[in-house]
PDB file of N, CA and C in Angstrom:
ATOM      1  N   MET A   1       0.212 -12.307 -20.891  1.00  0.00           N
ATOM      2  CA  MET A   1      -0.894 -11.987 -19.995  1.00  0.00           C
ATOM      3  C   MET A   1      -1.957 -11.230 -20.774  1.00  0.00           C
ATOM      4  N   ASN A   2      -3.185 -11.563 -20.501  1.00  0.00           N
ATOM      5  CA  ASN A   2      -4.264 -10.823 -21.137  1.00  0.00           C
ATOM      6  C   ASN A   2      -4.724  -9.670 -20.238  1.00  0.00           C
ATOM      7  N   HIS A   3      -5.660  -8.909 -20.749  1.00  0.00           N
ATOM      8  CA  HIS A   3      -6.161  -7.718 -20.057  1.00  0.00           C
ATOM      9  C   HIS A   3      -6.662  -8.051 -18.641  1.00  0.00           C
ATOM     10  N   ASN A   4      -7.445  -9.108 -18.524  1.00  0.00           N
ATOM     11  CA  ASN A   4      -8.005  -9.486 -17.220  1.00  0.00           C
ATOM     12  C   ASN A   4      -6.923  -9.933 -16.244  1.00  0.00           C
ATOM     13  N   ASP A   5      -5.920 -10.641 -16.737  1.00  0.00           N
ATOM     14  CA  ASP A   5      -4.817 -11.087 -15.884  1.00  0.00           C
ATOM     15  C   ASP A   5      -4.042  -9.889 -15.327  1.00  0.00           C
ATOM     16  N   ILE A   6      -3.785  -8.924 -16.188  1.00  0.00           N
ATOM     17  CA  ILE A   6      -3.057  -7.725 -15.748  1.00  0.00           C
ATOM     18  C   ILE A   6      -3.877  -6.953 -14.727  1.00  0.00           C
ATOM     19  N   GLN A   7      -5.161  -6.795 -15.015  1.00  0.00           N
ATOM     20  CA  GLN A   7      -6.036  -6.082 -14.083  1.00  0.00           C
ATOM     21  C   GLN A   7      -6.076  -6.794 -12.733  1.00  0.00           C
ATOM     22  N   GLN A   8      -6.162  -8.108 -12.737  1.00  0.00           N
ATOM     23  CA  GLN A   8      -6.194  -8.866 -11.485  1.00  0.00           C
ATOM     24  C   GLN A   8      -4.873  -8.754 -10.735  1.00  0.00           C
ATOM     25  N   THR A   9      -3.770  -8.781 -11.461  1.00  0.00           N
ATOM     26  CA  THR A   9      -2.453  -8.624 -10.835  1.00  0.00           C
ATOM     27  C   THR A   9      -2.339  -7.268 -10.159  1.00  0.00           C
ATOM     28  N   LEU A  10      -2.792  -6.225 -10.842  1.00  0.00           N
ATOM     29  CA  LEU A  10      -2.762  -4.876 -10.261  1.00  0.00           C
ATOM     30  C   LEU A  10      -3.665  -4.786  -9.036  1.00  0.00           C
ATOM     31  N   GLN A  11      -4.849  -5.397  -9.113  1.00  0.00           N
ATOM     32  CA  GLN A  11      -5.770  -5.365  -7.975  1.00  0.00           C
ATOM     33  C   GLN A  11      -5.189  -6.117  -6.784  1.00  0.00           C
ATOM     34  N   ASP A  12      -4.568  -7.258  -7.033  1.00  0.00           N
ATOM     35  CA  ASP A  12      -3.930  -8.018  -5.951  1.00  0.00           C
ATOM     36  C   ASP A  12      -2.805  -7.205  -5.303  1.00  0.00           C
ATOM     37  N   ALA A  13      -2.020  -6.533  -6.140  1.00  0.00           N
ATOM     38  CA  ALA A  13      -0.929  -5.701  -5.620  1.00  0.00           C
ATOM     39  C   ALA A  13      -1.486  -4.560  -4.785  1.00  0.00           C
ATOM     40  N   LEU A  14      -2.574  -3.944  -5.254  1.00  0.00           N
ATOM     41  CA  LEU A  14      -3.208  -2.856  -4.495  1.00  0.00           C
ATOM     42  C   LEU A  14      -3.688  -3.364  -3.143  1.00  0.00           C
ATOM     43  N   ASN A  15      -4.337  -4.512  -3.137  1.00  0.00           N
ATOM     44  CA  ASN A  15      -4.815  -5.086  -1.868  1.00  0.00           C
ATOM     45  C   ASN A  15      -3.650  -5.334  -0.910  1.00  0.00           C
ATOM     46  N   ASN A  16      -2.543  -5.846  -1.432  1.00  0.00           N
ATOM     47  CA  ASN A  16      -1.369  -6.103  -0.592  1.00  0.00           C
ATOM     48  C   ASN A  16      -0.784  -4.808  -0.033  1.00  0.00           C
ATOM     49  N   GLU A  17      -0.669  -3.793  -0.885  1.00  0.00           N
ATOM     50  CA  GLU A  17      -0.128  -2.506  -0.432  1.00  0.00           C
ATOM     51  C   GLU A  17      -0.997  -1.901   0.661  1.00  0.00           C
ATOM     52  N   GLU A  18      -2.312  -1.959   0.484  1.00  0.00           N
ATOM     53  CA  GLU A  18      -3.225  -1.397   1.481  1.00  0.00           C
ATOM     54  C   GLU A  18      -3.140  -2.166   2.798  1.00  0.00           C
ATOM     55  N   GLU A  19      -3.012  -3.470   2.715  1.00  0.00           N
ATOM     56  CA  GLU A  19      -2.895  -4.280   3.940  1.00  0.00           C
ATOM     57  C   GLU A  19      -1.585  -3.976   4.671  1.00  0.00           C
ATOM     58  N   MET A  20      -0.495  -3.870   3.926  1.00  0.00           N
ATOM     59  CA  MET A  20       0.788  -3.543   4.561  1.00  0.00           C
ATOM     60  C   MET A  20       0.735  -2.157   5.185  1.00  0.00           C
ATOM     61  N   MET A  21       0.094  -1.198   4.509  1.00  0.00           N
ATOM     62  CA  MET A  21      -0.027   0.145   5.048  1.00  0.00           C
ATOM     63  C   MET A  21      -0.759   0.108   6.396  1.00  0.00           C
ATOM     64  N   ARG A  22      -1.869  -0.598   6.440  1.00  0.00           N
ATOM     65  CA  ARG A  22      -2.616  -0.715   7.704  1.00  0.00           C
ATOM     66  C   ARG A  22      -1.761  -1.365   8.792  1.00  0.00           C
ATOM     67  N   THR A  23      -1.040  -2.414   8.420  1.00  0.00           N
ATOM     68  CA  THR A  23      -0.193  -3.117   9.389  1.00  0.00           C
ATOM     69  C   THR A  23       0.867  -2.190   9.964  1.00  0.00           C
ATOM     70  N   TYR A  24       1.523  -1.409   9.099  1.00  0.00           N
ATOM     71  CA  TYR A  24       2.553  -0.481   9.573  1.00  0.00           C
ATOM     72  C   TYR A  24       1.958   0.602  10.467  1.00  0.00           C
ATOM     73  N   LEU A  25       0.797   1.112  10.094  1.00  0.00           N
ATOM     74  CA  LEU A  25       0.180   2.163  10.911  1.00  0.00           C
ATOM     75  C   LEU A  25      -0.239   1.634  12.278  1.00  0.00           C
ATOM     76  N   ILE A  26      -0.785   0.444  12.303  1.00  0.00           N
ATOM     77  CA  ILE A  26      -1.172  -0.158  13.589  1.00  0.00           C
ATOM     78  C   ILE A  26       0.064  -0.399  14.445  1.00  0.00           C
ATOM     79  N   ALA A  27       1.114  -0.920  13.833  1.00  0.00           N
ATOM     80  CA  ALA A  27       2.356  -1.157  14.580  1.00  0.00           C
ATOM     81  C   ALA A  27       2.910   0.159  15.121  1.00  0.00           C
ATOM     82  N   ALA A  28       2.876   1.216  14.304  1.00  0.00           N
ATOM     83  CA  ALA A  28       3.395   2.514  14.747  1.00  0.00           C
ATOM     84  C   ALA A  28       2.613   3.029  15.951  1.00  0.00           C
ATOM     85  N   GLU A  29       1.306   2.812  15.950  1.00  0.00           N
ATOM     86  CA  GLU A  29       0.485   3.248  17.078  1.00  0.00           C
ATOM     87  C   GLU A  29       0.816   2.486  18.357  1.00  0.00           C
ATOM     88  N   ARG A  30       1.283   1.267  18.206  1.00  0.00           N
ATOM     89  CA  ARG A  30       1.549   0.423  19.374  1.00  0.00           C
ATOM     90  C   ARG A  30       2.973   0.556  19.907  1.00  0.00           C
ATOM     91  N   VAL A  31       3.841   1.197  19.130  1.00  0.00           N
ATOM     92  CA  VAL A  31       5.229   1.379  19.574  1.00  0.00           C
ATOM     93  C   VAL A  31       5.284   2.569  20.525  1.00  0.00           C
ATOM     94  N   HIS A  32       5.830   2.342  21.694  1.00  0.00           N
ATOM     95  CA  HIS A  32       5.920   3.425  22.679  1.00  0.00           C
ATOM     96  C   HIS A  32       7.360   3.695  23.109  1.00  0.00           C
ATOM     97  N   GLU A  33       8.238   2.745  22.882  1.00  0.00           N
ATOM     98  CA  GLU A  33       9.593   2.873  23.405  1.00  0.00           C
ATOM     99  C   GLU A  33      10.563   3.533  22.444  1.00  0.00           C
ATOM    100  N   SER A  34      10.173   3.706  21.175  1.00  0.00           N
ATOM    101  CA  SER A  34      11.119   4.243  20.200  1.00  0.00           C
ATOM    102  C   SER A  34      10.413   5.154  19.197  1.00  0.00           C
ATOM    103  N   GLU A  35      10.637   6.436  19.337  1.00  0.00           N
ATOM    104  CA  GLU A  35      10.070   7.392  18.382  1.00  0.00           C
ATOM    105  C   GLU A  35      10.662   7.192  16.993  1.00  0.00           C
ATOM    106  N   GLU A  36      11.929   6.779  16.935  1.00  0.00           N
ATOM    107  CA  GLU A  36      12.576   6.546  15.646  1.00  0.00           C
ATOM    108  C   GLU A  36      11.897   5.397  14.899  1.00  0.00           C
ATOM    109  N   LEU A  37      11.616   4.315  15.589  1.00  0.00           N
ATOM    110  CA  LEU A  37      10.932   3.185  14.973  1.00  0.00           C
ATOM    111  C   LEU A  37       9.527   3.583  14.552  1.00  0.00           C
ATOM    112  N   LYS A  38       8.845   4.321  15.391  1.00  0.00           N
ATOM    113  CA  LYS A  38       7.498   4.789  15.083  1.00  0.00           C
ATOM    114  C   LYS A  38       7.509   5.610  13.793  1.00  0.00           C
ATOM    115  N   LEU A  39       8.482   6.486  13.652  1.00  0.00           N
ATOM    116  CA  LEU A  39       8.615   7.318  12.460  1.00  0.00           C
ATOM    117  C   LEU A  39       8.886   6.465  11.225  1.00  0.00           C
ATOM    118  N   ARG A  40       9.794   5.498  11.334  1.00  0.00           N
ATOM    119  CA  ARG A  40      10.108   4.632  10.196  1.00  0.00           C
ATOM    120  C   ARG A  40       8.879   3.834   9.753  1.00  0.00           C
ATOM    121  N   LEU A  41       8.125   3.337  10.701  1.00  0.00           N
ATOM    122  CA  LEU A  41       6.911   2.589  10.364  1.00  0.00           C
ATOM    123  C   LEU A  41       5.911   3.483   9.633  1.00  0.00           C
ATOM    124  N   ARG A  42       5.764   4.719  10.081  1.00  0.00           N
ATOM    125  CA  ARG A  42       4.868   5.659   9.393  1.00  0.00           C
ATOM    126  C   ARG A  42       5.378   5.963   7.981  1.00  0.00           C
ATOM    127  N   GLU A  43       6.694   6.069   7.837  1.00  0.00           N
ATOM    128  CA  GLU A  43       7.264   6.314   6.509  1.00  0.00           C
ATOM    129  C   GLU A  43       7.036   5.113   5.585  1.00  0.00           C
ATOM    130  N   PHE A  44       7.132   3.905   6.125  1.00  0.00           N
ATOM    131  CA  PHE A  44       6.811   2.717   5.334  1.00  0.00           C
ATOM    132  C   PHE A  44       5.361   2.801   4.851  1.00  0.00           C
ATOM    133  N   ALA A  45       4.461   3.169   5.762  1.00  0.00           N
ATOM    134  CA  ALA A  45       3.039   3.285   5.412  1.00  0.00           C
ATOM    135  C   ALA A  45       2.832   4.348   4.333  1.00  0.00           C
ATOM    136  N   GLU A  46       3.567   5.446   4.415  1.00  0.00           N
ATOM    137  CA  GLU A  46       3.454   6.482   3.387  1.00  0.00           C
ATOM    138  C   GLU A  46       3.904   5.952   2.030  1.00  0.00           C
ATOM    139  N   GLY A  47       4.950   5.134   2.020  1.00  0.00           N
ATOM    140  CA  GLY A  47       5.396   4.514   0.779  1.00  0.00           C
ATOM    141  C   GLY A  47       4.323   3.602   0.204  1.00  0.00           C
ATOM    142  N   ASN A  48       3.660   2.854   1.075  1.00  0.00           N
ATOM    143  CA  ASN A  48       2.567   1.990   0.623  1.00  0.00           C
ATOM    144  C   ASN A  48       1.407   2.820   0.078  1.00  0.00           C
ATOM    145  N   ALA A  49       1.127   3.937   0.725  1.00  0.00           N
ATOM    146  CA  ALA A  49       0.047   4.806   0.257  1.00  0.00           C
ATOM    147  C   ALA A  49       0.360   5.347  -1.135  1.00  0.00           C
ATOM    148  N   LYS A  50       1.597   5.726  -1.355  1.00  0.00           N
ATOM    149  CA  LYS A  50       1.992   6.244  -2.666  1.00  0.00           C
ATOM    150  C   LYS A  50       1.842   5.165  -3.733  1.00  0.00           C
ATOM    151  N   ARG A  51       2.332   3.970  -3.441  1.00  0.00           N
ATOM    152  CA  ARG A  51       2.201   2.881  -4.410  1.00  0.00           C
ATOM    153  C   ARG A  51       0.733   2.523  -4.631  1.00  0.00           C
ATOM    154  N   SER A  52      -0.071   2.611  -3.576  1.00  0.00           N
ATOM    155  CA  SER A  52      -1.506   2.343  -3.716  1.00  0.00           C
ATOM    156  C   SER A  52      -2.151   3.326  -4.686  1.00  0.00           C
ATOM    157  N   ARG A  53      -1.808   4.598  -4.554  1.00  0.00           N
ATOM    158  CA  ARG A  53      -2.356   5.611  -5.472  1.00  0.00           C
ATOM    159  C   ARG A  53      -1.926   5.325  -6.915  1.00  0.00           C
ATOM    160  N   GLN A  54      -0.667   4.928  -7.092  1.00  0.00           N
ATOM    161  CA  GLN A  54      -0.185   4.614  -8.435  1.00  0.00           C
ATOM    162  C   GLN A  54      -0.926   3.412  -9.019  1.00  0.00           C
ATOM    163  N   LEU A  55      -1.146   2.403  -8.207  1.00  0.00           N
ATOM    164  CA  LEU A  55      -1.871   1.226  -8.671  1.00  0.00           C
ATOM    165  C   LEU A  55      -3.321   1.574  -8.999  1.00  0.00           C
ATOM    166  N   MET A  56      -3.950   2.419  -8.188  1.00  0.00           N
ATOM    167  CA  MET A  56      -5.319   2.850  -8.469  1.00  0.00           C
ATOM    168  C   MET A  56      -5.388   3.589  -9.802  1.00  0.00           C
ATOM    169  N   ASP A  57      -4.390   4.427 -10.064  1.00  0.00           N
ATOM    170  CA  ASP A  57      -4.337   5.139 -11.342  1.00  0.00           C
ATOM    171  C   ASP A  57      -4.244   4.158 -12.506  1.00  0.00           C
ATOM    172  N   GLU A  58      -3.406   3.143 -12.359  1.00  0.00           N
ATOM    173  CA  GLU A  58      -3.263   2.142 -13.418  1.00  0.00           C
ATOM    174  C   GLU A  58      -4.566   1.370 -13.610  1.00  0.00           C
ATOM    175  N   LEU A  59      -5.209   1.000 -12.516  1.00  0.00           N
ATOM    176  CA  LEU A  59      -6.474   0.279 -12.621  1.00  0.00           C
ATOM    177  C   LEU A  59      -7.548   1.144 -13.285  1.00  0.00           C
ATOM    178  N   LYS A  60      -7.528   2.431 -12.986  1.00  0.00           N
ATOM    179  CA  LYS A  60      -8.505   3.333 -13.583  1.00  0.00           C
ATOM    180  C   LYS A  60      -8.345   3.381 -15.101  1.00  0.00           C
ATOM    181  N   ARG A  61      -7.123   3.293 -15.569  1.00  0.00           N
ATOM    182  CA  ARG A  61      -6.874   3.290 -17.011  1.00  0.00           C
ATOM    183  C   ARG A  61      -7.552   2.103 -17.687  1.00  0.00           C
ATOM    184  N   PHE A  62      -7.682   1.013 -16.977  1.00  0.00           N
ATOM    185  CA  PHE A  62      -8.329  -0.168 -17.534  1.00  0.00           C
ATOM    186  C   PHE A  62      -9.840   0.004 -17.640  1.00  0.00           C
ATOM    187  N   THR A  63     -10.402   0.869 -16.816  1.00  0.00           N
ATOM    188  CA  THR A  63     -11.863   1.050 -16.828  1.00  0.00           C
ATOM    189  C   THR A  63     -12.297   2.255 -17.631  1.00  0.00           C
ATOM    190  N   ASP A  64     -11.355   3.102 -18.021  1.00  0.00           N
ATOM    191  CA  ASP A  64     -11.713   4.292 -18.819  1.00  0.00           C
ATOM    192  C   ASP A  64     -11.904   3.947 -20.266  1.00  0.00           C
TER     193      ASP A  64
END
């Protein structure tokens, strides 16, 4: 893989993580019957947020 391929792969992964995070947060807002499920969905979103930050850091290294 060349530099551009790696950068594109990281950007695609970041886009996917951000989309999944939004999906989990929206689902958590719509869940009313189970606080446990709501909590798990929020925790999934937090995991996506963490991975998103890591991917952003990696992408920044390519532009520095």
